[in-house]
C-alpha atoms as a PDB file:
ATOM      1  CA  UNK A   1     -13.886   4.917  -5.908  1.00  0.00           C
ATOM      2  CA  UNK A   2     -14.074   7.827  -3.452  1.00  0.00           C
ATOM      3  CA  UNK A   3     -11.624  10.374  -2.189  1.00  0.00           C
ATOM      4  CA  UNK A   4     -12.890  11.946   1.124  1.00  0.00           C
ATOM      5  CA  UNK A   5     -11.948  13.591   4.226  1.00  0.00           C
ATOM      6  CA  UNK A   6     -10.631  11.199   7.115  1.00  0.00           C
ATOM      7  CA  UNK A   7     -12.662  11.051  10.187  1.00  0.00           C
ATOM      8  CA  UNK A   8     -11.667   9.837  13.458  1.00  0.00           C
ATOM      9  CA  UNK A   9     -13.579   6.633  12.787  1.00  0.00           C
ATOM     10  CA  UNK A  10     -11.214   5.655  10.070  1.00  0.00           C
ATOM     11  CA  UNK A  11      -8.585   5.193  12.505  1.00  0.00           C
ATOM     12  CA  UNK A  12      -8.102   1.666  13.105  1.00  0.00           C
ATOM     13  CA  UNK A  13      -8.305   0.969   9.224  1.00  0.00           C
ATOM     14  CA  UNK A  14      -5.460   4.009   8.195  1.00  0.00           C
ATOM     15  CA  UNK A  15      -3.195   2.145  11.079  1.00  0.00           C
ATOM     16  CA  UNK A  16      -3.998  -1.083   9.034  1.00  0.00           C
ATOM     17  CA  UNK A  17      -2.349   0.559   6.131  1.00  0.00           C
ATOM     18  CA  UNK A  18       0.451   2.216   7.907  1.00  0.00           C
ATOM     19  CA  UNK A  19       1.124  -1.023   9.402  1.00  0.00           C
ATOM     20  CA  UNK A  20       1.323  -2.560   6.019  1.00  0.00           C
ATOM     21  CA  UNK A  21       3.572   0.409   4.651  1.00  0.00           C
ATOM     22  CA  UNK A  22       5.794  -0.197   7.685  1.00  0.00           C
ATOM     23  CA  UNK A  23       6.334  -4.302   7.163  1.00  0.00           C
ATOM     24  CA  UNK A  24       6.859  -3.264   3.072  1.00  0.00           C
ATOM     25  CA  UNK A  25       9.702  -0.720   3.642  1.00  0.00           C
ATOM     26  CA  UNK A  26      11.269  -2.821   6.332  1.00  0.00           C
ATOM     27  CA  UNK A  27      11.198  -5.989   4.015  1.00  0.00           C
ATOM     28  CA  UNK A  28      12.484  -3.757   1.186  1.00  0.00           C
ATOM     29  CA  UNK A  29      15.390  -2.625   3.543  1.00  0.00           C
ATOM     30  CA  UNK A  30      13.992   0.928   3.666  1.00  0.00           C
ATOM     31  CA  UNK A  31      14.871   2.514   6.840  1.00  0.00           C
ATOM     32  CA  UNK A  32      11.749   4.603   6.930  1.00  0.00           C
ATOM     33  CA  UNK A  33       8.444   4.675   8.961  1.00  0.00           C
ATOM     34  CA  UNK A  34      10.177   2.459  11.659  1.00  0.00           C
ATOM     35  CA  UNK A  35      10.096   3.119  15.027  1.00  0.00           C
ATOM     36  CA  UNK A  36       6.426   3.613  15.620  1.00  0.00           C
ATOM     37  CA  UNK A  37       6.211   6.065  13.013  1.00  0.00           C
ATOM     38  CA  UNK A  38       3.669   7.390  11.917  1.00  0.00           C
ATOM     39  CA  UNK A  39       1.547   6.654  14.964  1.00  0.00           C
ATOM     40  CA  UNK A  40      -1.771   7.341  15.862  1.00  0.00           C
ATOM     41  CA  UNK A  41      -1.539  10.181  17.478  1.00  0.00           C
ATOM     42  CA  UNK A  42       0.171  11.782  14.322  1.00  0.00           C
ATOM     43  CA  UNK A  43      -2.843  10.220  12.062  1.00  0.00           C
ATOM     44  CA  UNK A  44      -5.484  12.029  14.480  1.00  0.00           C
ATOM     45  CA  UNK A  45      -3.753  15.490  14.447  1.00  0.00           C
ATOM     46  CA  UNK A  46      -3.751  15.297  10.376  1.00  0.00           C
ATOM     47  CA  UNK A  47      -7.437  13.919  10.821  1.00  0.00           C
ATOM     48  CA  UNK A  48      -8.468  16.679  13.413  1.00  0.00           C
ATOM     49  CA  UNK A  49      -6.073  19.680  11.217  1.00  0.00           C
ATOM     50  CA  UNK A  50      -8.850  18.406   8.093  1.00  0.00           C
ATOM     51  CA  UNK A  51      -5.517  17.498   6.118  1.00  0.00           C
ATOM     52  CA  UNK A  52      -5.947  13.201   5.946  1.00  0.00           C
ATOM     53  CA  UNK A  53      -7.730  11.905   3.226  1.00  0.00           C
ATOM     54  CA  UNK A  54      -8.820   8.263   2.514  1.00  0.00           C
ATOM     55  CA  UNK A  55      -9.337   6.628  -0.864  1.00  0.00           C
ATOM     56  CA  UNK A  56     -12.201   4.114  -0.421  1.00  0.00           C
ATOM     57  CA  UNK A  57     -13.842   1.409  -2.487  1.00  0.00           C
ATOM     58  CA  UNK A  58     -15.927  -1.237  -0.590  1.00  0.00           C
ATOM     59  CA  UNK A  59     -13.085  -0.428   2.357  1.00  0.00           C
ATOM     60  CA  UNK A  60     -10.153   1.889   2.969  1.00  0.00           C
ATOM     61  CA  UNK A  61      -7.635   1.092   0.517  1.00  0.00           C
ATOM     62  CA  UNK A  62      -5.211   4.400   0.677  1.00  0.00           C
ATOM     63  CA  UNK A  63      -4.735   7.590   2.208  1.00  0.00           C
ATOM     64  CA  UNK A  64      -2.537  10.578   2.396  1.00  0.00           C
ATOM     65  CA  UNK A  65      -2.031  13.779   4.115  1.00  0.00           C
ATOM     66  CA  UNK A  66      -2.446  16.699   1.729  1.00  0.00           C
ATOM     67  CA  UNK A  67      -2.334  20.598   2.796  1.00  0.00           C
ATOM     68  CA  UNK A  68      -1.532  23.794   1.544  1.00  0.00           C
ATOM     69  CA  UNK A  69       1.147  24.843   3.923  1.00  0.00           C
ATOM     70  CA  UNK A  70       4.703  26.093   4.350  1.00  0.00           C
ATOM     71  CA  UNK A  71       6.409  22.865   5.816  1.00  0.00           C
ATOM     72  CA  UNK A  72       9.354  23.961   8.009  1.00  0.00           C
ATOM     73  CA  UNK A  73      11.228  20.739   6.693  1.00  0.00           C
ATOM     74  CA  UNK A  74      11.273  22.338   3.432  1.00  0.00           C
ATOM     75  CA  UNK A  75      12.703  25.910   4.199  1.00  0.00           C
ATOM     76  CA  UNK A  76      16.105  24.550   3.666  1.00  0.00           C
ATOM     77  CA  UNK A  77      17.505  22.427   0.652  1.00  0.00           C
ATOM     78  CA  UNK A  78      20.668  21.420  -0.523  1.00  0.00           C
ATOM     79  CA  UNK A  79      19.459  22.031  -4.115  1.00  0.00           C
ATOM     80  CA  UNK A  80      16.646  24.315  -5.532  1.00  0.00           C
ATOM     81  CA  UNK A  81      13.013  24.190  -5.599  1.00  0.00           C
ATOM     82  CA  UNK A  82      11.642  24.651  -8.873  1.00  0.00           C
ATOM     83  CA  UNK A  83       8.964  27.497  -7.507  1.00  0.00           C
ATOM     84  CA  UNK A  84       8.905  29.938  -4.807  1.00  0.00           C
ATOM     85  CA  UNK A  85       5.502  30.125  -4.643  1.00  0.00           C
ATOM     86  CA  UNK A  86       2.528  28.808  -2.326  1.00  0.00           C
ATOM     87  CA  UNK A  87       2.917  25.006  -2.849  1.00  0.00           C
ATOM     88  CA  UNK A  88       0.936  21.775  -1.418  1.00  0.00           C
ATOM     89  CA  UNK A  89       2.513  19.077   0.436  1.00  0.00           C
ATOM     90  CA  UNK A  90       1.779  15.623   0.299  1.00  0.00           C
ATOM     91  CA  UNK A  91       3.189  13.289   3.131  1.00  0.00           C
ATOM     92  CA  UNK A  92       2.203   9.892   4.406  1.00  0.00           C
ATOM     93  CA  UNK A  93       0.801   8.389   0.848  1.00  0.00           C
ATOM     94  CA  UNK A  94      -0.166   4.784   1.148  1.00  0.00           C
ATOM     95  CA  UNK A  95      -1.809   1.981  -0.564  1.00  0.00           C
ATOM     96  CA  UNK A  96      -3.034  -1.156   0.695  1.00  0.00           C
ATOM     97  CA  UNK A  97      -0.693  -3.836  -0.247  1.00  0.00           C
ATOM     98  CA  UNK A  98      -3.744  -5.903  -2.408  1.00  0.00           C
ATOM     99  CA  UNK A  99      -4.172  -2.499  -4.392  1.00  0.00           C
ATOM    100  CA  UNK A 100      -0.464  -1.694  -5.096  1.00  0.00           C
ATOM    101  CA  UNK A 101       0.575  -1.078  -9.218  1.00  0.00           C
ATOM    102  CA  UNK A 102      -3.235  -0.585  -9.829  1.00  0.00           C
ATOM    103  CA  UNK A 103      -3.069   3.092 -10.381  1.00  0.00           C
ATOM    104  CA  UNK A 104      -4.801   4.321  -6.876  1.00  0.00           C
ATOM    105  CA  UNK A 105      -1.790   6.490  -5.582  1.00  0.00           C
ATOM    106  CA  UNK A 106      -2.513   8.198  -8.890  1.00  0.00           C
ATOM    107  CA  UNK A 107      -5.722   8.824  -7.887  1.00  0.00           C
ATOM    108  CA  UNK A 108      -4.589  10.361  -4.480  1.00  0.00           C
ATOM    109  CA  UNK A 109      -2.075  12.441  -6.250  1.00  0.00           C
ATOM    110  CA  UNK A 110      -4.674  13.759  -9.084  1.00  0.00           C
ATOM    111  CA  UNK A 111      -6.789  14.481  -6.151  1.00  0.00           C
ATOM    112  CA  UNK A 112      -3.840  16.776  -4.471  1.00  0.00           C
ATOM    113  CA  UNK A 113      -3.100  18.309  -8.052  1.00  0.00           C
ATOM    114  CA  UNK A 114      -6.887  19.335  -8.277  1.00  0.00           C
ATOM    115  CA  UNK A 115      -6.809  20.750  -4.660  1.00  0.00           C
ATOM    116  CA  UNK A 116      -3.850  22.851  -5.827  1.00  0.00           C
ATOM    117  CA  UNK A 117      -5.692  24.257  -8.951  1.00  0.00           C
ATOM    118  CA  UNK A 118      -8.969  25.126  -7.244  1.00  0.00           C
ATOM    119  CA  UNK A 119      -6.481  27.060  -4.854  1.00  0.00           C
ATOM    120  CA  UNK A 120      -4.316  28.934  -7.319  1.00  0.00           C
ATOM    121  CA  UNK A 121      -1.368  27.174  -5.928  1.00  0.00           C
ATOM    122  CA  UNK A 122       1.787  26.705  -8.111  1.00  0.00           C
ATOM    123  CA  UNK A 123       3.393  22.901  -7.148  1.00  0.00           C
ATOM    124  CA  UNK A 124       2.893  19.742  -4.823  1.00  0.00           C
ATOM    125  CA  UNK A 125       6.256  19.200  -2.755  1.00  0.00           C
ATOM    126  CA  UNK A 126       6.945  15.741  -1.357  1.00  0.00           C
ATOM    127  CA  UNK A 127      10.239  14.231  -0.014  1.00  0.00           C
ATOM    128  CA  UNK A 128      10.951  10.430   0.449  1.00  0.00           C
ATOM    129  CA  UNK A 129      13.990   8.197   1.806  1.00  0.00           C
ATOM    130  CA  UNK A 130      16.805   7.508  -0.713  1.00  0.00           C
ATOM    131  CA  UNK A 131      16.159   3.804  -0.466  1.00  0.00           C
ATOM    132  CA  UNK A 132      12.495   4.150  -1.155  1.00  0.00           C
ATOM    133  CA  UNK A 133      12.563   3.205  -4.896  1.00  0.00           C
ATOM    134  CA  UNK A 134       9.261   2.489  -5.676  1.00  0.00           C
ATOM    135  CA  UNK A 135       8.101   5.526  -4.585  1.00  0.00           C
ATOM    136  CA  UNK A 136      11.100   7.379  -6.192  1.00  0.00           C
ATOM    137  CA  UNK A 137       9.796   5.576  -9.416  1.00  0.00           C
ATOM    138  CA  UNK A 138       6.122   6.381  -9.077  1.00  0.00           C
ATOM    139  CA  UNK A 139       7.070  10.312  -8.396  1.00  0.00           C
ATOM    140  CA  UNK A 140       9.346  10.174 -11.839  1.00  0.00           C
ATOM    141  CA  UNK A 141       6.517   8.528 -13.630  1.00  0.00           C
ATOM    142  CA  UNK A 142       4.232  11.597 -12.486  1.00  0.00           C
ATOM    143  CA  UNK A 143       6.304  14.333 -13.573  1.00  0.00           C
ATOM    144  CA  UNK A 144       8.054  15.230 -10.279  1.00  0.00           C
ATOM    145  CA  UNK A 145      11.323  16.326 -10.720  1.00  0.00           C
ATOM    146  CA  UNK A 146      14.197  15.730  -7.893  1.00  0.00           C
ATOM    147  CA  UNK A 147      15.084  18.996  -6.462  1.00  0.00           C
ATOM    148  CA  UNK A 148      17.671  18.070  -3.715  1.00  0.00           C
ATOM    149  CA  UNK A 149      17.891  16.866  -0.073  1.00  0.00           C
ATOM    150  CA  UNK A 150      16.066  18.070   3.029  1.00  0.00           C
ATOM    151  CA  UNK A 151      16.588  17.060   6.410  1.00  0.00           C
ATOM    152  CA  UNK A 152      13.297  16.096   8.667  1.00  0.00           C
ATOM    153  CA  UNK A 153      13.650  17.417  11.956  1.00  0.00           C
ATOM    154  CA  UNK A 154      16.978  18.554  10.891  1.00  0.00           C
ATOM    155  CA  UNK A 155      18.345  15.287  11.504  1.00  0.00           C
ATOM    156  CA  UNK A 156      16.968  12.542   8.560  1.00  0.00           C
ATOM    157  CA  UNK A 157      17.731  13.506   4.864  1.00  0.00           C
ATOM    158  CA  UNK A 158      15.319  12.590   2.369  1.00  0.00           C
ATOM    159  CA  UNK A 159      15.107  13.135  -1.478  1.00  0.00           C
ATOM    160  CA  UNK A 160      12.834  15.986  -2.217  1.00  0.00           C
ATOM    161  CA  UNK A 161      10.855  16.518  -4.879  1.00  0.00           C
ATOM    162  CA  UNK A 162       8.419  19.069  -6.837  1.00  0.00           C
ATOM    163  CA  UNK A 163       5.794  19.330  -9.246  1.00  0.00           C
ATOM    164  CA  UNK A 164       4.404  22.093 -10.998  1.00  0.00           C
ATOM    165  CA  UNK A 165       0.835  21.994 -11.160  1.00  0.00           C
ATOM    166  CA  UNK A 166      -0.933  22.789 -14.407  1.00  0.00           C
ATOM    167  CA  UNK A 167      -3.213  25.655 -14.661  1.00  0.00           C
ATOM    168  CA  UNK A 168      -6.807  24.818 -15.329  1.00  0.00           C
ATOM    169  CA  UNK A 169      -7.854  26.380 -18.938  1.00  0.00           C
END
């Protein structure tokens, strides 16, 4: 298995994963990623920004947005972040339906943590919908701490999580 930066030629395969995720969320009554989000334009912006990664075996089986940046949606939180230092953010993490439960998302998470370590970044932040129970379980299992509620674009509440990155010794 290999993790690499996505390129524009990956778009159709990425969008297949996005559609799978949208169906999964709808079937599990999670009002997240409906209404054509994320769309091709957003994914292309992520790719052009060189912040979108894919996990491939024989084909693409997962993807995520990862960047070390200040996310404006994380500036205000009803709660408290663990750290006040620089952080990495993960958004749009998706695993192929046929690959769920096989540790594939953990591989992407490990890659993000590794990139944080290489850049002396203190933590990783991520958010999810309150009803996205599978993501919430995944985050808890992987040592993320629930920090509070943030608002996406000032409107949509999301549960915010943070994980302190262990320094390499």
